[in-house]
Amino acid sequence: MKFSKFILVPILSWFVAGAALAAGDVKPESLPKGQHMYVIERDMPGLGKLTGTDLKAASQKSCSVLQHLGPDIQWLHSYVTGDKMYCVYLAPNIELVREHAKQGGFPATAVNEVTTIISPDTATEPAR
């Protein structure tokens, strides 16, 4: 029984942390030391016309590459527009983000580190 608790607690912790990331609760200033947030701009003409099946296949390819690269890189989410995609990733360095793009066959037109996130809530929060 102790063995199963020993394994179960880290797995549950990882799952809860992953749920928080997916919910968008992550901010660059709260990341563990050595981890960074990046936004990747991908020029992909006609992207907005892809079907749900096409987008699912692209997502599956991305996840497959991420699994191969290991736990140091995580895809949080992407914004699909007519001819571009903007993806948000966590990684220790820009090289790992570019390696994901290379292995997945995805363009990485620009990769920029996110230093902070602002929103309408920023207007009412106390200054830091």
N, C-alpha and C. Protein backbone atom coordinates (compact mmCIF):
# COMPACT_ATOMS: atom_id res chain seq x y z
N MET A 1 0.81 -1.20 0.00
CA MET A 1 0.00 0.00 0.00
C MET A 1 0.85 1.26 0.00
N LYS A 2 1.95 1.25 0.75
CA LYS A 2 2.83 2.42 0.77
C LYS A 2 3.43 2.65 -0.61
N PHE A 3 3.76 1.58 -1.31
CA PHE A 3 4.33 1.72 -2.64
C PHE A 3 3.37 2.42 -3.58
N SER A 4 2.09 2.07 -3.54
CA SER A 4 1.13 2.69 -4.44
C SER A 4 0.92 4.16 -4.10
N LYS A 5 0.95 4.53 -2.81
CA LYS A 5 0.84 5.93 -2.44
C LYS A 5 2.07 6.70 -2.91
N PHE A 6 3.23 6.04 -2.84
CA PHE A 6 4.48 6.65 -3.28
C PHE A 6 4.41 7.02 -4.76
N ILE A 7 3.78 6.20 -5.55
CA ILE A 7 3.64 6.46 -6.98
C ILE A 7 2.45 7.37 -7.27
N LEU A 8 1.36 7.18 -6.57
CA LEU A 8 0.13 7.91 -6.85
C LEU A 8 0.24 9.41 -6.56
N VAL A 9 0.89 9.80 -5.49
CA VAL A 9 0.98 11.22 -5.13
C VAL A 9 1.69 12.03 -6.20
N PRO A 10 2.88 11.60 -6.69
CA PRO A 10 3.51 12.39 -7.76
C PRO A 10 2.68 12.44 -9.04
N ILE A 11 2.01 11.35 -9.37
CA ILE A 11 1.17 11.34 -10.57
C ILE A 11 0.01 12.32 -10.42
N LEU A 12 -0.64 12.31 -9.28
CA LEU A 12 -1.74 13.26 -9.05
C LEU A 12 -1.24 14.69 -9.04
N SER A 13 -0.07 14.93 -8.46
CA SER A 13 0.50 16.28 -8.45
C SER A 13 0.76 16.76 -9.87
N TRP A 14 1.32 15.87 -10.70
CA TRP A 14 1.57 16.22 -12.09
C TRP A 14 0.27 16.53 -12.82
N PHE A 15 -0.77 15.73 -12.57
CA PHE A 15 -2.05 15.93 -13.21
C PHE A 15 -2.67 17.27 -12.81
N VAL A 16 -2.64 17.59 -11.53
CA VAL A 16 -3.19 18.86 -11.04
C VAL A 16 -2.41 20.03 -11.63
N ALA A 17 -1.08 19.93 -11.67
CA ALA A 17 -0.26 20.99 -12.26
C ALA A 17 -0.60 21.16 -13.74
N GLY A 18 -0.78 20.05 -14.43
CA GLY A 18 -1.14 20.12 -15.84
C GLY A 18 -2.49 20.77 -16.05
N ALA A 19 -3.44 20.50 -15.16
CA ALA A 19 -4.77 21.12 -15.26
C ALA A 19 -4.67 22.63 -15.06
N ALA A 20 -3.83 23.06 -14.14
CA ALA A 20 -3.65 24.50 -13.92
C ALA A 20 -3.04 25.15 -15.16
N LEU A 21 -2.07 24.48 -15.78
CA LEU A 21 -1.47 25.02 -17.00
C LEU A 21 -2.51 25.14 -18.10
N ALA A 22 -3.31 24.11 -18.26
CA ALA A 22 -4.32 24.12 -19.30
C ALA A 22 -5.36 25.20 -19.05
N ALA A 23 -5.61 25.52 -17.80
CA ALA A 23 -6.60 26.53 -17.47
C ALA A 23 -6.07 27.94 -17.67
N GLY A 24 -4.80 28.07 -17.99
CA GLY A 24 -4.25 29.39 -18.24
C GLY A 24 -3.80 30.11 -16.98
N ASP A 25 -3.63 29.40 -15.88
CA ASP A 25 -3.22 30.02 -14.64
C ASP A 25 -1.72 30.29 -14.57
N VAL A 26 -0.99 29.90 -15.57
CA VAL A 26 0.45 30.03 -15.55
C VAL A 26 0.86 31.43 -15.99
N LYS A 27 1.83 31.99 -15.28
CA LYS A 27 2.38 33.29 -15.62
C LYS A 27 3.89 33.15 -15.66
N PRO A 28 4.55 33.85 -16.57
CA PRO A 28 6.00 33.71 -16.68
C PRO A 28 6.74 33.94 -15.37
N GLU A 29 6.29 34.90 -14.58
CA GLU A 29 6.99 35.22 -13.33
C GLU A 29 6.80 34.16 -12.25
N SER A 30 5.88 33.21 -12.46
CA SER A 30 5.65 32.17 -11.46
C SER A 30 6.23 30.81 -11.88
N LEU A 31 6.93 30.77 -13.00
CA LEU A 31 7.50 29.51 -13.47
C LEU A 31 8.70 29.11 -12.63
N PRO A 32 8.95 27.82 -12.52
CA PRO A 32 10.15 27.37 -11.80
C PRO A 32 11.42 27.92 -12.47
N LYS A 33 12.46 28.07 -11.68
CA LYS A 33 13.73 28.56 -12.20
C LYS A 33 14.19 27.69 -13.37
N GLY A 34 14.60 28.34 -14.44
CA GLY A 34 15.08 27.61 -15.61
C GLY A 34 14.00 27.33 -16.64
N GLN A 35 12.76 27.60 -16.32
CA GLN A 35 11.65 27.37 -17.25
C GLN A 35 11.19 28.73 -17.77
N HIS A 36 10.86 28.81 -19.05
CA HIS A 36 10.45 30.06 -19.68
C HIS A 36 9.19 29.83 -20.50
N MET A 37 8.45 30.90 -20.73
CA MET A 37 7.26 30.85 -21.58
C MET A 37 7.61 31.50 -22.91
N TYR A 38 7.18 30.85 -23.99
CA TYR A 38 7.45 31.37 -25.33
C TYR A 38 6.15 31.44 -26.12
N VAL A 39 6.08 32.44 -27.00
CA VAL A 39 5.00 32.49 -27.97
C VAL A 39 5.65 32.31 -29.35
N ILE A 40 5.11 31.36 -30.11
CA ILE A 40 5.65 31.02 -31.42
C ILE A 40 4.66 31.51 -32.47
N GLU A 41 5.16 32.28 -33.40
CA GLU A 41 4.33 32.72 -34.53
C GLU A 41 4.64 31.80 -35.70
N ARG A 42 3.60 31.21 -36.26
CA ARG A 42 3.76 30.29 -37.37
C ARG A 42 2.99 30.82 -38.58
N ASP A 43 3.70 31.15 -39.66
CA ASP A 43 3.05 31.56 -40.91
C ASP A 43 2.58 30.29 -41.62
N MET A 44 1.27 30.18 -41.78
CA MET A 44 0.68 28.99 -42.39
C MET A 44 -0.51 29.41 -43.26
N PRO A 45 -0.23 29.85 -44.50
CA PRO A 45 -1.30 30.32 -45.38
C PRO A 45 -2.43 29.29 -45.50
N GLY A 46 -3.67 29.77 -45.37
CA GLY A 46 -4.85 28.90 -45.49
C GLY A 46 -5.20 28.15 -44.22
N LEU A 47 -4.47 28.39 -43.17
CA LEU A 47 -4.68 27.66 -41.92
C LEU A 47 -6.13 27.74 -41.44
N GLY A 48 -6.72 28.90 -41.53
CA GLY A 48 -8.09 29.09 -41.04
C GLY A 48 -9.13 28.27 -41.79
N LYS A 49 -8.75 27.71 -42.90
CA LYS A 49 -9.69 26.90 -43.69
C LYS A 49 -9.56 25.40 -43.42
N LEU A 50 -8.61 25.03 -42.55
CA LEU A 50 -8.45 23.60 -42.24
C LEU A 50 -9.66 23.07 -41.50
N THR A 51 -9.93 21.81 -41.69
CA THR A 51 -11.05 21.16 -41.02
C THR A 51 -10.66 20.77 -39.60
N GLY A 52 -11.64 20.43 -38.81
CA GLY A 52 -11.39 19.92 -37.47
C GLY A 52 -10.52 18.67 -37.50
N THR A 53 -10.71 17.85 -38.50
CA THR A 53 -9.90 16.63 -38.65
C THR A 53 -8.45 16.99 -38.92
N ASP A 54 -8.23 18.00 -39.78
CA ASP A 54 -6.86 18.45 -40.07
C ASP A 54 -6.19 19.00 -38.82
N LEU A 55 -6.91 19.81 -38.06
CA LEU A 55 -6.35 20.41 -36.85
C LEU A 55 -6.08 19.34 -35.79
N LYS A 56 -6.94 18.34 -35.73
CA LYS A 56 -6.73 17.24 -34.79
C LYS A 56 -5.44 16.49 -35.15
N ALA A 57 -5.25 16.23 -36.43
CA ALA A 57 -4.04 15.51 -36.87
C ALA A 57 -2.79 16.33 -36.55
N ALA A 58 -2.84 17.64 -36.76
CA ALA A 58 -1.69 18.50 -36.44
C ALA A 58 -1.42 18.49 -34.94
N SER A 59 -2.48 18.53 -34.14
CA SER A 59 -2.34 18.49 -32.68
C SER A 59 -1.72 17.16 -32.24
N GLN A 60 -2.17 16.09 -32.85
CA GLN A 60 -1.63 14.77 -32.50
C GLN A 60 -0.15 14.67 -32.87
N LYS A 61 0.23 15.24 -34.01
CA LYS A 61 1.64 15.25 -34.41
C LYS A 61 2.46 16.03 -33.39
N SER A 62 1.96 17.21 -33.01
CA SER A 62 2.66 18.03 -32.03
C SER A 62 2.85 17.29 -30.71
N CYS A 63 1.78 16.65 -30.24
CA CYS A 63 1.86 15.90 -28.98
C CYS A 63 2.83 14.73 -29.07
N SER A 64 2.88 14.09 -30.22
CA SER A 64 3.81 12.97 -30.41
C SER A 64 5.26 13.46 -30.31
N VAL A 65 5.55 14.58 -30.94
CA VAL A 65 6.90 15.14 -30.88
C VAL A 65 7.22 15.56 -29.45
N LEU A 66 6.26 16.18 -28.77
CA LEU A 66 6.47 16.60 -27.38
C LEU A 66 6.80 15.40 -26.49
N GLN A 67 6.08 14.31 -26.70
CA GLN A 67 6.32 13.10 -25.90
C GLN A 67 7.74 12.59 -26.14
N HIS A 68 8.18 12.66 -27.38
CA HIS A 68 9.53 12.22 -27.73
C HIS A 68 10.59 13.13 -27.11
N LEU A 69 10.33 14.44 -27.07
CA LEU A 69 11.31 15.40 -26.54
C LEU A 69 11.40 15.37 -25.02
N GLY A 70 10.35 14.88 -24.36
CA GLY A 70 10.40 14.75 -22.90
C GLY A 70 9.64 15.84 -22.17
N PRO A 71 9.66 15.78 -20.84
CA PRO A 71 8.80 16.64 -20.02
C PRO A 71 9.27 18.09 -19.87
N ASP A 72 10.44 18.43 -20.40
CA ASP A 72 10.92 19.80 -20.24
C ASP A 72 10.19 20.81 -21.11
N ILE A 73 9.47 20.34 -22.12
CA ILE A 73 8.74 21.23 -23.01
C ILE A 73 7.26 20.88 -22.95
N GLN A 74 6.43 21.93 -22.83
CA GLN A 74 4.98 21.74 -22.75
C GLN A 74 4.28 22.73 -23.67
N TRP A 75 3.25 22.26 -24.33
CA TRP A 75 2.41 23.11 -25.18
C TRP A 75 1.20 23.48 -24.34
N LEU A 76 0.96 24.78 -24.15
CA LEU A 76 -0.20 25.21 -23.37
C LEU A 76 -1.44 25.35 -24.25
N HIS A 77 -1.32 26.10 -25.33
CA HIS A 77 -2.45 26.28 -26.24
C HIS A 77 -1.99 27.07 -27.46
N SER A 78 -2.87 27.14 -28.46
CA SER A 78 -2.57 27.88 -29.69
C SER A 78 -3.79 28.66 -30.13
N TYR A 79 -3.52 29.74 -30.84
CA TYR A 79 -4.57 30.58 -31.42
C TYR A 79 -4.46 30.44 -32.93
N VAL A 80 -5.54 30.00 -33.57
CA VAL A 80 -5.56 29.79 -35.01
C VAL A 80 -6.27 30.98 -35.66
N THR A 81 -5.59 31.58 -36.65
CA THR A 81 -6.19 32.67 -37.42
C THR A 81 -6.21 32.25 -38.88
N GLY A 82 -6.55 33.16 -39.76
CA GLY A 82 -6.64 32.83 -41.18
C GLY A 82 -5.36 32.25 -41.77
N ASP A 83 -4.23 32.92 -41.53
CA ASP A 83 -2.97 32.51 -42.13
C ASP A 83 -1.82 32.36 -41.14
N LYS A 84 -2.12 32.41 -39.86
CA LYS A 84 -1.08 32.29 -38.84
C LYS A 84 -1.61 31.50 -37.65
N MET A 85 -0.67 30.95 -36.91
CA MET A 85 -1.00 30.32 -35.64
C MET A 85 -0.02 30.88 -34.61
N TYR A 86 -0.53 31.14 -33.42
CA TYR A 86 0.30 31.63 -32.31
C TYR A 86 0.19 30.59 -31.20
N CYS A 87 1.33 29.99 -30.87
CA CYS A 87 1.35 28.89 -29.90
C CYS A 87 2.11 29.32 -28.65
N VAL A 88 1.63 28.90 -27.50
CA VAL A 88 2.27 29.22 -26.23
C VAL A 88 2.86 27.94 -25.65
N TYR A 89 4.17 27.99 -25.39
CA TYR A 89 4.92 26.84 -24.89
C TYR A 89 5.70 27.21 -23.64
N LEU A 90 5.97 26.21 -22.83
CA LEU A 90 6.91 26.32 -21.72
C LEU A 90 8.10 25.45 -22.06
N ALA A 91 9.30 25.99 -21.88
CA ALA A 91 10.52 25.23 -22.18
C ALA A 91 11.70 25.91 -21.48
N PRO A 92 12.77 25.16 -21.28
CA PRO A 92 13.93 25.75 -20.64
C PRO A 92 14.72 26.68 -21.56
N ASN A 93 14.53 26.54 -22.89
CA ASN A 93 15.28 27.38 -23.82
C ASN A 93 14.61 27.41 -25.19
N ILE A 94 14.99 28.39 -25.97
CA ILE A 94 14.41 28.59 -27.29
C ILE A 94 14.80 27.46 -28.26
N GLU A 95 15.97 26.87 -28.03
CA GLU A 95 16.44 25.79 -28.92
C GLU A 95 15.50 24.59 -28.87
N LEU A 96 14.98 24.28 -27.69
CA LEU A 96 14.06 23.15 -27.57
C LEU A 96 12.74 23.44 -28.29
N VAL A 97 12.30 24.68 -28.23
CA VAL A 97 11.08 25.08 -28.94
C VAL A 97 11.30 24.94 -30.45
N ARG A 98 12.44 25.38 -30.92
CA ARG A 98 12.75 25.27 -32.35
C ARG A 98 12.92 23.81 -32.78
N GLU A 99 13.45 22.98 -31.90
CA GLU A 99 13.60 21.55 -32.21
C GLU A 99 12.22 20.90 -32.36
N HIS A 100 11.28 21.30 -31.51
CA HIS A 100 9.91 20.79 -31.63
C HIS A 100 9.35 21.14 -33.00
N ALA A 101 9.54 22.39 -33.42
CA ALA A 101 9.03 22.83 -34.72
C ALA A 101 9.68 22.03 -35.85
N LYS A 102 10.98 21.82 -35.74
CA LYS A 102 11.72 21.08 -36.77
C LYS A 102 11.22 19.64 -36.87
N GLN A 103 11.15 18.96 -35.73
CA GLN A 103 10.72 17.56 -35.74
C GLN A 103 9.26 17.40 -36.17
N GLY A 104 8.43 18.38 -35.83
CA GLY A 104 7.02 18.30 -36.18
C GLY A 104 6.71 18.76 -37.60
N GLY A 105 7.68 19.44 -38.22
CA GLY A 105 7.44 19.96 -39.56
C GLY A 105 6.57 21.21 -39.53
N PHE A 106 6.59 21.92 -38.40
CA PHE A 106 5.80 23.15 -38.25
C PHE A 106 6.72 24.35 -38.43
N PRO A 107 6.28 25.38 -39.16
CA PRO A 107 7.11 26.57 -39.25
C PRO A 107 7.17 27.29 -37.90
N ALA A 108 8.31 27.89 -37.62
CA ALA A 108 8.46 28.73 -36.43
C ALA A 108 9.03 30.05 -36.94
N THR A 109 8.14 30.87 -37.48
CA THR A 109 8.53 32.12 -38.10
C THR A 109 9.22 33.04 -37.09
N ALA A 110 8.68 33.11 -35.89
CA ALA A 110 9.27 33.89 -34.81
C ALA A 110 9.01 33.17 -33.49
N VAL A 111 10.01 33.18 -32.62
CA VAL A 111 9.87 32.61 -31.28
C VAL A 111 10.32 33.69 -30.31
N ASN A 112 9.41 34.11 -29.43
CA ASN A 112 9.71 35.17 -28.48
C ASN A 112 9.38 34.74 -27.06
N GLU A 113 10.27 35.11 -26.14
CA GLU A 113 10.01 34.81 -24.73
C GLU A 113 8.98 35.80 -24.19
N VAL A 114 8.01 35.26 -23.45
CA VAL A 114 7.00 36.08 -22.80
C VAL A 114 7.55 36.46 -21.43
N THR A 115 7.59 37.76 -21.14
CA THR A 115 8.13 38.20 -19.85
C THR A 115 7.04 38.47 -18.82
N THR A 116 5.85 38.80 -19.27
CA THR A 116 4.72 38.99 -18.37
C THR A 116 3.43 38.94 -19.19
N ILE A 117 2.33 38.78 -18.51
CA ILE A 117 1.03 38.75 -19.16
C ILE A 117 0.18 39.85 -18.54
N ILE A 118 -0.48 40.64 -19.39
CA ILE A 118 -1.41 41.64 -18.88
C ILE A 118 -2.79 41.36 -19.47
N SER A 119 -3.80 41.88 -18.80
CA SER A 119 -5.18 41.71 -19.22
C SER A 119 -5.98 42.89 -18.65
N PRO A 120 -7.29 42.94 -18.87
CA PRO A 120 -8.07 43.99 -18.24
C PRO A 120 -7.93 44.01 -16.72
N ASP A 121 -7.68 42.84 -16.12
CA ASP A 121 -7.48 42.79 -14.67
C ASP A 121 -6.27 43.60 -14.22
N THR A 122 -5.27 43.72 -15.12
CA THR A 122 -4.07 44.47 -14.79
C THR A 122 -4.39 45.93 -14.45
N ALA A 123 -5.44 46.46 -15.05
CA ALA A 123 -5.82 47.85 -14.81
C ALA A 123 -6.27 48.11 -13.39
N THR A 124 -6.75 47.06 -12.73
CA THR A 124 -7.27 47.24 -11.37
C THR A 124 -6.42 46.61 -10.28
N GLU A 125 -5.36 45.90 -10.67
CA GLU A 125 -4.48 45.26 -9.68
C GLU A 125 -3.51 46.29 -9.12
N PRO A 126 -3.09 46.11 -7.87
CA PRO A 126 -2.05 46.99 -7.32
C PRO A 126 -0.75 46.83 -8.10
N ALA A 127 -0.02 47.92 -8.33
CA ALA A 127 1.25 47.86 -9.04
C ALA A 127 2.26 47.12 -8.20
N ARG A 128 3.16 46.39 -8.86
CA ARG A 128 4.21 45.63 -8.15
C ARG A 128 5.53 46.32 -8.27
